[in-house]
Amino acid sequence: MPQTMDQETSPLFETIVWSGTALSLLGLLGLVYCIMRVSRAKRSGLEDEAMRAELKKVIPLNLGALFLSVIGLMTVVIGIFLG
């Protein structure tokens, strides 16, 4: 009967993977919030200047959420490779 190699993951690496997952989900929620905010602004029929002002407020939130999501995904990949 062939032997199988069971690989046990360290609790540290499991923690890294799950924390990365949480960061990615938090970033995803931020992106959904940005989409909803811009959609709400478009539906409200704002003037051009007011729309630009609203979009200028959302852009940093959008970039921050995207950054958080990318960092979370990188953390998951690192946890999987090292675990």
Protein backbone atom coordinates (compact mmCIF):
# COMPACT_ATOMS: atom_id res chain seq x y z
CA MET A 1 0.00 0.00 0.00
CA PRO A 2 1.53 3.36 -0.98
CA GLN A 3 2.30 5.78 1.78
CA THR A 4 0.80 9.21 1.67
CA MET A 5 2.52 12.25 2.99
CA ASP A 6 0.24 14.10 5.32
CA GLN A 7 1.19 17.70 5.63
CA GLU A 8 0.14 19.43 8.76
CA THR A 9 -0.02 23.16 8.65
CA SER A 10 1.30 25.21 11.48
CA PRO A 11 -1.23 27.24 13.45
CA LEU A 12 0.89 30.29 12.65
CA PHE A 13 0.44 29.85 8.92
CA GLU A 14 -3.25 29.11 9.30
CA THR A 15 -3.54 32.38 11.20
CA ILE A 16 -1.70 34.17 8.41
CA VAL A 17 -4.06 32.73 5.78
CA TRP A 18 -7.20 33.57 7.77
CA SER A 19 -6.01 37.10 8.59
CA GLY A 20 -5.28 37.62 4.89
CA THR A 21 -8.76 36.37 4.08
CA ALA A 22 -10.25 38.83 6.55
CA LEU A 23 -8.25 41.69 5.02
CA SER A 24 -9.39 40.73 1.54
CA LEU A 25 -13.02 40.59 2.61
CA LEU A 26 -12.70 43.95 4.34
CA GLY A 27 -11.26 45.42 1.14
CA LEU A 28 -14.05 43.85 -0.89
CA LEU A 29 -16.65 45.39 1.42
CA GLY A 30 -14.93 48.74 0.95
CA LEU A 31 -15.13 48.37 -2.82
CA VAL A 32 -18.83 47.50 -2.63
CA TYR A 33 -19.37 50.58 -0.44
CA CYS A 34 -17.62 52.77 -3.03
CA ILE A 35 -19.73 51.31 -5.84
CA MET A 36 -22.93 51.93 -3.89
CA ARG A 37 -21.90 55.49 -3.04
CA VAL A 38 -21.12 56.40 -6.66
CA SER A 39 -24.29 54.68 -7.86
CA ARG A 40 -26.34 56.64 -5.34
CA ALA A 41 -24.68 59.89 -6.46
CA LYS A 42 -25.44 59.14 -10.11
CA ARG A 43 -29.09 58.36 -9.38
CA SER A 44 -29.54 61.56 -7.39
CA GLY A 45 -28.92 63.65 -10.51
CA LEU A 46 -26.24 65.91 -9.07
CA GLU A 47 -24.87 68.82 -11.04
CA ASP A 48 -21.51 68.33 -12.75
CA GLU A 49 -19.46 70.10 -10.06
CA ALA A 50 -21.25 68.32 -7.22
CA MET A 51 -20.71 64.98 -8.94
CA ARG A 52 -17.02 65.71 -9.39
CA ALA A 53 -16.74 66.65 -5.71
CA GLU A 54 -18.43 63.41 -4.67
CA LEU A 55 -16.18 61.34 -6.93
CA LYS A 56 -13.10 63.10 -5.53
CA LYS A 57 -14.20 62.02 -2.06
CA VAL A 58 -14.72 58.40 -3.13
CA ILE A 59 -11.43 57.91 -5.00
CA PRO A 60 -9.21 57.70 -1.88
CA LEU A 61 -11.64 55.25 -0.27
CA ASN A 62 -11.66 53.18 -3.44
CA LEU A 63 -7.86 53.06 -3.64
CA GLY A 64 -7.59 52.23 0.06
CA ALA A 65 -10.07 49.38 -0.28
CA LEU A 66 -8.26 48.05 -3.33
CA PHE A 67 -4.93 48.25 -1.50
CA LEU A 68 -6.38 46.41 1.50
CA SER A 69 -7.77 43.69 -0.73
CA VAL A 70 -4.45 43.22 -2.55
CA ILE A 71 -2.49 43.08 0.72
CA GLY A 72 -4.94 40.48 2.01
CA LEU A 73 -4.56 38.34 -1.09
CA MET A 74 -0.78 38.57 -0.90
CA THR A 75 -0.95 37.52 2.75
CA VAL A 76 -3.06 34.49 1.83
CA VAL A 77 -0.59 33.47 -0.88
CA ILE A 78 2.38 33.87 1.46
CA GLY A 79 0.63 31.83 4.15
CA ILE A 80 -0.12 29.05 1.67
CA PHE A 81 3.41 28.97 0.25
CA LEU A 82 5.07 28.95 3.66
CA GLY A 83 2.58 26.57 5.24
